[in-house]
């Protein structure tokens, strides 16, 4: 089976380079800039990097330590401590903004927040990893058309703005906030969505917004609006939904058009498998309107318009649709989205049947589609996927928006060390920054810790 999974990689390397349509990343020279040394989330986390070692046990920041840090900063303990996880998307990449289906799971790692509400209309934010860079702003000054809060704090400001615009948060509502995190930024693990979701959940709890706190889909929509309209990143609803709606031991099967979702058992332990996350240390960016992510979204919207459908989810006959497109690049984009939606349904069927190991072949097929049809992979992601499968993974794929970030591999427990070593050695042989490798299990969504 491994030979079958590796065959597309071998064909690509034995002949011409793999087809990359559009503005796919060019091959990066060995040792060239672009890799992150060991960046943790820009909202905090004082933990040192893992190097290339596999962290089998979840590594989290400590709520008691964060509460103590809050008390040191503000002279009193916080009203509470909350946590929102990052996510990996198991299947369904770039399908969310095409009104399609996605299949994420929550990670053990995320963003933790200590907060006390105020009624003075001001917000003070402190990050464990940004000592001396405290941010203060007045909620009355927040304007998505001319945002005055920038950088990592813009995600916090965006949540206040979006919650107020939605009619949930009164103008005088403020907060004192201290943040910490053990989630790396730029790794395609949704550190920004985790930050948005933990801020919104804490605000809803602390300010007594009981209706909002009980409505996780509505919270996801507000957090997404913060990222789209205030921060300026044209993302879909996947990341916020995963952080807020996932449950332990499950993956979230989400319809991004209707918002309906169900948590499907993802029995890794029972199947003798582990999910290995390989952070390539190549940081991806989603905020820039000219970023590859934004370009891909625009291409999908153009394709839908040419096909006369509301979204690419509505393409029913792929073979009939492709010849109607004016540009072969658009045809590639449509092929990926439509087949990726089918792969989501196939993966869910295998999970429900208890055939978790068979999802690996779907992982690899998905990666090839993202590499060749959607052109969002990088040399580092390709190397991680190819090496993991060659070393014994049941399958592997990049995860997230692409153009950097992380890959995931479905690995038999008894092959885990071998796969981890092979990936580390492959990166070292290229002279690239060592990847950060961690093992994750499906974890709970955002919640109050104390």
Protein backbone atom coordinates (compact mmCIF):
# COMPACT_ATOMS: atom_id res chain seq x y z
CA UNK A 1 0.00 0.00 0.00
CA UNK A 2 2.84 2.39 0.78
CA UNK A 3 4.21 1.94 -2.75
CA UNK A 4 0.82 2.91 -4.15
CA UNK A 5 0.65 6.01 -1.99
CA UNK A 6 4.18 7.04 -2.93
CA UNK A 7 3.78 6.46 -6.66
CA UNK A 8 2.59 10.01 -7.48
CA UNK A 9 5.57 11.49 -5.63
CA UNK A 10 7.98 9.21 -7.45
CA UNK A 11 6.49 9.99 -10.85
CA UNK A 12 6.73 13.72 -10.17
CA UNK A 13 10.38 13.54 -9.13
CA UNK A 14 11.42 11.10 -11.83
CA UNK A 15 10.11 13.23 -14.68
CA UNK A 16 9.17 16.89 -14.82
CA UNK A 17 8.51 18.92 -11.68
CA UNK A 18 4.99 18.60 -10.34
CA UNK A 19 2.52 20.90 -12.08
CA UNK A 20 1.95 24.12 -10.13
CA UNK A 21 -0.60 26.42 -11.68
CA UNK A 22 -1.06 30.02 -10.69
CA UNK A 23 1.22 31.58 -8.13
CA UNK A 24 2.41 28.45 -6.34
CA UNK A 25 5.55 28.92 -4.25
CA UNK A 26 8.79 28.41 -6.09
CA UNK A 27 11.32 25.94 -4.74
CA UNK A 28 13.21 27.51 -1.86
CA UNK A 29 17.02 27.35 -1.92
CA UNK A 30 18.55 25.39 0.91
CA UNK A 31 18.96 27.54 4.00
CA UNK A 32 17.06 30.47 2.49
CA UNK A 33 15.11 32.83 4.77
CA UNK A 34 11.48 32.09 5.37
CA UNK A 35 11.62 29.58 8.20
CA UNK A 36 10.67 30.32 11.77
CA UNK A 37 13.25 29.35 14.36
CA UNK A 38 10.79 28.32 17.07
CA UNK A 39 7.97 30.85 17.17
CA UNK A 40 5.24 30.30 19.70
CA UNK A 41 1.93 32.09 19.47
CA UNK A 42 2.38 35.82 19.50
CA UNK A 43 -0.12 35.96 22.33
CA UNK A 44 2.14 34.10 24.74
CA UNK A 45 3.66 30.83 25.98
CA UNK A 46 6.96 30.86 27.69
CA UNK A 47 7.74 27.21 26.93
CA UNK A 48 10.89 26.40 25.05
CA UNK A 49 10.65 24.74 21.65
CA UNK A 50 10.39 21.00 21.26
CA UNK A 51 13.16 20.73 18.66
CA UNK A 52 12.37 17.61 16.69
CA UNK A 53 11.22 15.47 19.61
CA UNK A 54 7.70 14.08 19.57
CA UNK A 55 5.68 15.40 22.52
CA UNK A 56 3.33 12.50 23.12
CA UNK A 57 1.66 14.05 26.15
CA UNK A 58 -0.34 17.26 25.67
CA UNK A 59 1.66 20.30 26.67
CA UNK A 60 -0.46 23.15 27.97
CA UNK A 61 -0.02 26.43 29.74
CA UNK A 62 -1.07 26.51 33.37
CA UNK A 63 -4.28 28.30 34.47
CA UNK A 64 -3.07 28.83 38.02
CA UNK A 65 0.16 30.40 36.81
CA UNK A 66 -1.78 32.64 34.44
CA UNK A 67 -4.17 33.70 37.20
CA UNK A 68 -1.18 34.57 39.38
CA UNK A 69 0.33 36.63 36.56
CA UNK A 70 -2.96 38.49 36.22
CA UNK A 71 -3.04 39.22 39.95
CA UNK A 72 0.53 40.53 39.79
CA UNK A 73 -0.41 42.85 36.93
CA UNK A 74 -3.74 44.12 38.24
CA UNK A 75 -3.62 43.69 42.00
CA UNK A 76 -6.50 41.21 42.18
CA UNK A 77 -7.28 37.76 40.78
CA UNK A 78 -9.16 37.51 37.48
CA UNK A 79 -12.86 36.81 37.22
CA UNK A 80 -11.97 33.61 35.40
CA UNK A 81 -9.59 31.74 33.13
CA UNK A 82 -10.61 30.38 29.73
CA UNK A 83 -8.95 28.28 27.02
CA UNK A 84 -9.59 27.92 23.28
CA UNK A 85 -7.71 25.31 21.23
CA UNK A 86 -6.03 25.45 17.89
CA UNK A 87 -7.08 22.94 15.27
CA UNK A 88 -5.88 20.73 12.49
CA UNK A 89 -8.12 20.16 9.52
CA UNK A 90 -8.21 16.47 8.72
CA UNK A 91 -9.96 16.98 5.39
CA UNK A 92 -11.67 19.80 3.51
CA UNK A 93 -9.06 22.42 2.63
CA UNK A 94 -10.28 25.65 1.00
CA UNK A 95 -13.80 24.22 0.93
CA UNK A 96 -15.23 26.36 3.74
CA UNK A 97 -15.50 29.61 1.78
CA UNK A 98 -16.87 27.56 -1.13
CA UNK A 99 -19.85 26.61 1.10
CA UNK A 100 -18.52 23.07 1.32
CA UNK A 101 -17.78 20.50 4.01
CA UNK A 102 -14.85 20.34 6.43
CA UNK A 103 -13.54 17.90 9.03
CA UNK A 104 -11.34 19.55 11.70
CA UNK A 105 -10.37 18.41 15.18
CA UNK A 106 -9.32 20.50 18.16
CA UNK A 107 -5.75 20.32 19.45
CA UNK A 108 -4.55 20.00 23.05
CA UNK A 109 -2.70 23.31 22.64
CA UNK A 110 -4.23 26.72 22.33
CA UNK A 111 -4.62 30.18 23.82
CA UNK A 112 -5.39 30.73 27.50
CA UNK A 113 -6.86 33.95 28.84
CA UNK A 114 -7.39 35.46 32.28
CA UNK A 115 -9.97 38.25 32.29
CA UNK A 116 -11.85 40.62 34.53
CA UNK A 117 -14.71 42.60 32.97
CA UNK A 118 -14.98 46.38 33.34
CA UNK A 119 -17.62 48.96 32.48
CA UNK A 120 -15.27 51.80 31.53
CA UNK A 121 -15.17 51.07 27.79
CA UNK A 122 -11.44 50.39 27.77
CA UNK A 123 -9.48 47.21 27.16
CA UNK A 124 -6.00 46.45 28.47
CA UNK A 125 -4.22 43.41 27.02
CA UNK A 126 -0.96 41.85 28.18
CA UNK A 127 0.79 38.88 26.56
CA UNK A 128 3.18 36.50 28.29
CA UNK A 129 5.43 36.61 25.25
CA UNK A 130 5.27 40.34 24.69
CA UNK A 131 6.67 41.76 27.93
CA UNK A 132 6.55 45.53 27.93
CA UNK A 133 4.22 45.60 24.91
CA UNK A 134 0.88 45.98 26.70
CA UNK A 135 -1.92 47.30 24.50
CA UNK A 136 -4.71 49.62 25.63
CA UNK A 137 -7.62 50.86 23.53
CA UNK A 138 -11.07 52.39 23.90
CA UNK A 139 -13.88 50.30 22.44
CA UNK A 140 -15.63 53.46 21.22
CA UNK A 141 -12.69 54.11 18.89
CA UNK A 142 -12.89 50.75 17.13
CA UNK A 143 -13.73 51.07 13.44
CA UNK A 144 -13.24 48.30 10.89
CA UNK A 145 -12.89 50.85 8.08
CA UNK A 146 -9.90 52.48 9.76
CA UNK A 147 -8.58 50.14 12.45
CA UNK A 148 -6.27 51.78 14.97
CA UNK A 149 -5.29 48.58 16.79
CA UNK A 150 -2.85 46.54 14.71
CA UNK A 151 -0.64 43.48 15.04
CA UNK A 152 -1.60 40.58 17.30
CA UNK A 153 -3.88 42.81 19.41
CA UNK A 154 -6.05 43.50 16.34
CA UNK A 155 -7.63 40.06 16.85
CA UNK A 156 -8.68 41.09 20.36
CA UNK A 157 -9.95 44.47 19.19
CA UNK A 158 -11.77 42.83 16.29
CA UNK A 159 -13.75 40.62 18.66
CA UNK A 160 -14.88 43.61 20.74
CA UNK A 161 -15.86 45.42 17.55
CA UNK A 162 -17.72 42.45 16.02
CA UNK A 163 -19.56 41.58 19.25
CA UNK A 164 -20.67 45.20 19.60
CA UNK A 165 -21.73 45.41 15.95
CA UNK A 166 -23.78 42.23 16.39
CA UNK A 167 -25.66 43.86 19.27
CA UNK A 168 -24.33 41.60 22.00
CA UNK A 169 -21.80 43.82 23.76
CA UNK A 170 -22.72 47.21 25.24
CA UNK A 171 -20.50 50.17 24.37
CA UNK A 172 -19.25 50.53 27.94
CA UNK A 173 -18.09 46.89 28.18
CA UNK A 174 -14.33 46.62 28.65
CA UNK A 175 -11.86 44.17 30.14
CA UNK A 176 -8.45 43.58 31.63
CA UNK A 177 -6.82 40.64 29.88
CA UNK A 178 -3.65 38.58 30.30
CA UNK A 179 -2.84 35.96 27.65
CA UNK A 180 -0.63 32.91 27.34
CA UNK A 181 -0.34 30.20 24.69
CA UNK A 182 1.53 27.09 23.65
CA UNK A 183 0.35 27.19 20.04
CA UNK A 184 2.89 28.16 17.37
CA UNK A 185 1.96 30.99 15.03
CA UNK A 186 2.21 30.72 11.29
CA UNK A 187 1.98 26.92 11.53
CA UNK A 188 -1.52 26.66 10.02
CA UNK A 189 -2.90 25.53 13.40
CA UNK A 190 -5.30 28.48 13.80
CA UNK A 191 -3.62 30.50 16.52
CA UNK A 192 -5.55 33.59 15.42
CA UNK A 193 -8.93 31.85 15.59
CA UNK A 194 -8.08 30.43 19.02
CA UNK A 195 -7.31 33.95 20.23
CA UNK A 196 -10.57 35.32 18.84
CA UNK A 197 -12.62 32.49 20.31
CA UNK A 198 -11.12 32.62 23.79
CA UNK A 199 -11.67 36.40 23.96
CA UNK A 200 -15.28 36.08 22.82
CA UNK A 201 -16.12 33.19 25.15
CA UNK A 202 -14.60 35.01 28.11
CA UNK A 203 -16.51 38.20 27.26
CA UNK A 204 -19.77 36.29 26.94
CA UNK A 205 -19.27 34.59 30.30
CA UNK A 206 -17.87 37.53 32.23
CA UNK A 207 -20.35 40.11 30.93
CA UNK A 208 -23.33 37.80 31.42
CA UNK A 209 -24.17 37.36 27.73
CA UNK A 210 -25.87 34.04 28.43
CA UNK A 211 -27.71 33.72 25.11
CA UNK A 212 -24.50 34.24 23.16
CA UNK A 213 -22.47 31.93 25.41
CA UNK A 214 -24.96 29.14 24.73
CA UNK A 215 -24.85 29.58 20.95
CA UNK A 216 -21.50 28.31 19.67
CA UNK A 217 -22.39 28.69 15.95
CA UNK A 218 -23.29 32.34 16.54
CA UNK A 219 -20.04 32.86 18.42
CA UNK A 220 -18.09 31.34 15.54
CA UNK A 221 -19.78 33.74 13.11
CA UNK A 222 -18.85 36.75 15.26
CA UNK A 223 -15.25 35.59 15.61
CA UNK A 224 -15.05 35.06 11.87
CA UNK A 225 -16.39 38.56 11.22
CA UNK A 226 -13.70 39.94 13.51
CA UNK A 227 -11.05 38.26 11.38
CA UNK A 228 -12.64 39.12 8.03
CA UNK A 229 -13.82 42.68 8.56
CA UNK A 230 -11.51 44.07 11.25
CA UNK A 231 -8.26 42.15 10.82
CA UNK A 232 -8.69 41.80 7.07
CA UNK A 233 -8.08 38.07 6.56
CA UNK A 234 -10.56 36.55 4.05
CA UNK A 235 -10.99 33.25 5.92
CA UNK A 236 -13.99 30.96 6.09
CA UNK A 237 -15.81 29.67 9.16
CA UNK A 238 -13.75 26.48 9.65
CA UNK A 239 -11.20 27.63 12.21
CA UNK A 240 -13.55 29.39 14.61
CA UNK A 241 -16.08 26.56 14.43
CA UNK A 242 -13.42 23.99 15.25
CA UNK A 243 -12.12 25.94 18.23
CA UNK A 244 -15.60 26.45 19.67
CA UNK A 245 -17.53 23.33 18.65
CA UNK A 246 -15.18 20.32 18.69
CA UNK A 247 -15.47 17.70 21.41
CA UNK A 248 -12.87 15.38 22.90
CA UNK A 249 -12.22 12.21 20.91
CA UNK A 250 -14.10 13.50 17.88
CA UNK A 251 -13.73 15.43 14.64
CA UNK A 252 -16.28 18.07 13.64
CA UNK A 253 -18.17 17.25 10.43
CA UNK A 254 -19.33 20.73 9.44
CA UNK A 255 -21.49 22.01 6.62
CA UNK A 256 -20.15 25.51 6.03
CA UNK A 257 -23.27 26.64 4.17
CA UNK A 258 -25.87 25.71 6.76
CA UNK A 259 -23.67 25.79 9.85
CA UNK A 260 -24.96 22.36 10.82
CA UNK A 261 -22.36 20.08 12.32
CA UNK A 262 -21.92 16.84 14.18
CA UNK A 263 -18.98 15.41 16.07
CA UNK A 264 -17.82 12.09 14.62
CA UNK A 265 -15.74 9.64 16.71
CA UNK A 266 -12.10 9.67 15.62
CA UNK A 267 -10.74 6.54 17.27
CA UNK A 268 -7.00 6.98 16.97
CA UNK A 269 -6.06 5.13 20.17
CA UNK A 270 -8.49 2.31 19.50
CA UNK A 271 -6.99 1.85 16.04
CA UNK A 272 -3.39 1.85 17.26
CA UNK A 273 -2.71 5.07 15.38
CA UNK A 274 -1.35 8.50 16.19
CA UNK A 275 -1.71 11.83 14.42
CA UNK A 276 1.72 13.38 13.95
CA UNK A 277 1.82 17.12 13.31
CA UNK A 278 4.89 18.38 11.48
CA UNK A 279 5.34 22.15 11.74
CA UNK A 280 7.71 22.93 8.86
CA UNK A 281 8.56 26.32 10.40
CA UNK A 282 7.67 28.03 7.13
CA UNK A 283 5.25 30.72 8.23
CA UNK A 284 2.13 31.32 6.21
CA UNK A 285 0.25 34.61 6.04
CA UNK A 286 -3.48 35.03 5.41
CA UNK A 287 -4.05 38.74 6.13
CA UNK A 288 -2.67 40.32 2.97
CA UNK A 289 -5.27 40.86 0.25
CA UNK A 290 -2.61 39.83 -2.28
CA UNK A 291 -1.67 36.65 -0.39
CA UNK A 292 -1.96 33.29 -2.08
CA UNK A 293 -4.94 32.49 0.14
CA UNK A 294 -6.84 35.58 -1.02
CA UNK A 295 -5.91 34.88 -4.64
CA UNK A 296 -7.25 31.32 -4.37
CA UNK A 297 -10.50 32.57 -2.91
CA UNK A 298 -10.85 35.05 -5.75
CA UNK A 299 -10.19 32.33 -8.31
CA UNK A 300 -12.90 30.16 -6.78
CA UNK A 301 -15.37 33.03 -6.86
CA UNK A 302 -14.54 33.68 -10.54
CA UNK A 303 -15.01 30.02 -11.36
CA UNK A 304 -18.38 29.90 -9.60
CA UNK A 305 -19.51 32.99 -11.51
CA UNK A 306 -18.47 31.46 -14.85
CA UNK A 307 -20.33 28.26 -14.01
CA UNK A 308 -23.42 30.13 -12.85
CA UNK A 309 -23.53 28.54 -9.40
CA UNK A 310 -23.71 30.25 -5.99
CA UNK A 311 -20.56 28.44 -4.85
CA UNK A 312 -18.33 25.62 -6.03
CA UNK A 313 -20.12 23.30 -3.63
CA UNK A 314 -23.00 23.41 -6.12
CA UNK A 315 -21.02 21.88 -9.01
CA UNK A 316 -22.74 18.53 -9.52
CA UNK A 317 -21.16 17.25 -12.73
CA UNK A 318 -17.43 17.96 -12.62
CA UNK A 319 -16.70 16.55 -16.08
CA UNK A 320 -19.35 18.76 -17.63
CA UNK A 321 -18.28 21.84 -15.69
CA UNK A 322 -14.55 21.90 -16.41
CA UNK A 323 -14.73 22.50 -20.20
CA UNK A 324 -16.97 25.53 -19.59
CA UNK A 325 -14.26 27.44 -17.75
CA UNK A 326 -12.22 30.07 -19.57
CA UNK A 327 -8.92 29.33 -17.85
CA UNK A 328 -7.23 25.98 -17.10
CA UNK A 329 -6.11 27.44 -13.77
CA UNK A 330 -9.74 27.85 -12.76
CA UNK A 331 -10.43 24.28 -13.88
CA UNK A 332 -7.72 23.05 -11.54
CA UNK A 333 -9.18 25.02 -8.65
CA UNK A 334 -12.66 23.63 -9.27
CA UNK A 335 -11.36 20.07 -9.55
CA UNK A 336 -9.69 20.35 -6.15
CA UNK A 337 -12.69 21.85 -4.34
CA UNK A 338 -15.23 19.38 -5.73
CA UNK A 339 -13.09 16.30 -5.14
CA UNK A 340 -12.04 17.54 -1.69
CA UNK A 341 -15.68 17.77 -0.62
CA UNK A 342 -16.13 14.15 -1.73
CA UNK A 343 -13.05 13.20 0.31
CA UNK A 344 -14.60 14.76 3.42
CA UNK A 345 -17.67 12.57 3.05
CA UNK A 346 -15.51 9.51 2.41
CA UNK A 347 -13.41 10.20 5.52
CA UNK A 348 -16.52 10.58 7.68
CA UNK A 349 -17.86 7.29 6.36
CA UNK A 350 -14.62 5.53 7.30
CA UNK A 351 -14.61 7.09 10.78
CA UNK A 352 -18.16 5.96 11.43
CA UNK A 353 -17.25 2.46 10.23
CA UNK A 354 -14.26 2.34 12.57
CA UNK A 355 -11.85 2.08 9.62
CA UNK A 356 -9.68 4.99 10.74
CA UNK A 357 -6.51 3.60 9.17
CA UNK A 358 -8.06 3.69 5.71
CA UNK A 359 -8.35 7.48 5.93
CA UNK A 360 -4.61 7.64 5.28
CA UNK A 361 -5.05 7.09 1.55
CA UNK A 362 -7.49 10.02 1.49
CA UNK A 363 -4.92 12.16 3.29
CA UNK A 364 -2.35 11.55 0.58
CA UNK A 365 -4.83 12.03 -2.27
CA UNK A 366 -5.86 15.33 -0.70
CA UNK A 367 -2.26 16.49 -0.49
CA UNK A 368 -1.63 15.68 -4.14
CA UNK A 369 -4.72 17.69 -5.06
CA UNK A 370 -3.54 20.66 -3.00
CA UNK A 371 -0.09 20.40 -4.54
CA UNK A 372 -1.10 19.93 -8.16
CA UNK A 373 -4.59 21.38 -8.60
CA UNK A 374 -4.75 24.08 -5.94
CA UNK A 375 -1.02 24.89 -5.90
CA UNK A 376 -0.76 25.78 -2.22
CA UNK A 377 1.97 23.42 -1.02
CA UNK A 378 5.65 24.20 -0.49
CA UNK A 379 8.83 22.13 -0.89
CA UNK A 380 8.93 21.68 2.90
CA UNK A 381 5.36 20.42 3.10
CA UNK A 382 5.92 18.08 0.16
CA UNK A 383 9.06 16.69 1.79
CA UNK A 384 7.28 16.12 5.11
CA UNK A 385 4.42 14.27 3.42
CA UNK A 386 6.56 12.16 1.10
CA UNK A 387 9.02 11.23 3.84
CA UNK A 388 6.33 10.33 6.37
CA UNK A 389 4.55 8.01 3.94
CA UNK A 390 7.83 6.40 2.86
CA UNK A 391 8.73 5.76 6.51
CA UNK A 392 5.47 4.00 7.31
CA UNK A 393 2.67 6.54 7.77
CA UNK A 394 -0.69 5.36 6.46
CA UNK A 395 -1.03 8.71 4.72
CA UNK A 396 -0.13 12.37 5.10
CA UNK A 397 -1.21 15.80 3.88
CA UNK A 398 -0.59 19.47 4.43
CA UNK A 399 -3.21 21.12 6.63
CA UNK A 400 -4.53 24.66 6.77
CA UNK A 401 -4.48 27.46 4.23
CA UNK A 402 -1.19 26.45 2.64
CA UNK A 403 1.91 28.34 1.51
CA UNK A 404 3.69 27.09 4.62
CA UNK A 405 2.64 25.80 8.00
CA UNK A 406 2.12 22.17 8.97
CA UNK A 407 1.55 18.70 7.60
CA UNK A 408 -0.24 15.86 9.38
CA UNK A 409 0.51 12.15 9.13
CA UNK A 410 -1.55 9.16 10.24
CA UNK A 411 1.04 6.87 11.79
CA UNK A 412 0.83 3.39 13.37
CA UNK A 413 1.97 3.68 16.96
CA UNK A 414 4.84 1.25 16.45
CA UNK A 415 6.19 3.31 13.52
CA UNK A 416 5.96 6.69 15.21
CA UNK A 417 9.60 7.05 16.23
CA UNK A 418 10.78 5.86 12.82
CA UNK A 419 8.59 8.36 10.96
CA UNK A 420 9.65 11.20 13.24
CA UNK A 421 13.33 10.43 12.73
CA UNK A 422 12.93 10.12 8.98
CA UNK A 423 11.25 13.52 8.69
CA UNK A 424 13.87 15.18 10.90
CA UNK A 425 16.70 13.58 8.91
CA UNK A 426 15.15 14.62 5.59
CA UNK A 427 14.97 18.26 6.65
CA UNK A 428 18.52 18.14 8.00
CA UNK A 429 19.78 16.69 4.72
CA UNK A 430 18.34 19.71 2.89
CA UNK A 431 19.86 22.15 5.35
CA UNK A 432 16.42 23.35 6.41
CA UNK A 433 15.29 24.45 9.87
CA UNK A 434 14.36 21.43 11.98
CA UNK A 435 10.60 20.84 12.05
CA UNK A 436 8.66 20.81 15.30
CA UNK A 437 6.87 17.46 15.59
CA UNK A 438 4.07 16.74 18.04
CA UNK A 439 1.51 14.01 18.53
CA UNK A 440 -2.07 15.17 19.04
CA UNK A 441 -5.32 13.54 20.07
CA UNK A 442 -8.79 15.04 19.39
CA UNK A 443 -9.34 17.50 22.23
CA UNK A 444 -12.16 19.59 23.73
CA UNK A 445 -13.28 22.90 22.30
CA UNK A 446 -13.17 26.27 24.04
CA UNK A 447 -14.14 26.20 27.71
CA UNK A 448 -13.82 27.91 31.07
CA UNK A 449 -11.10 26.42 33.26
CA UNK A 450 -11.64 28.30 36.53
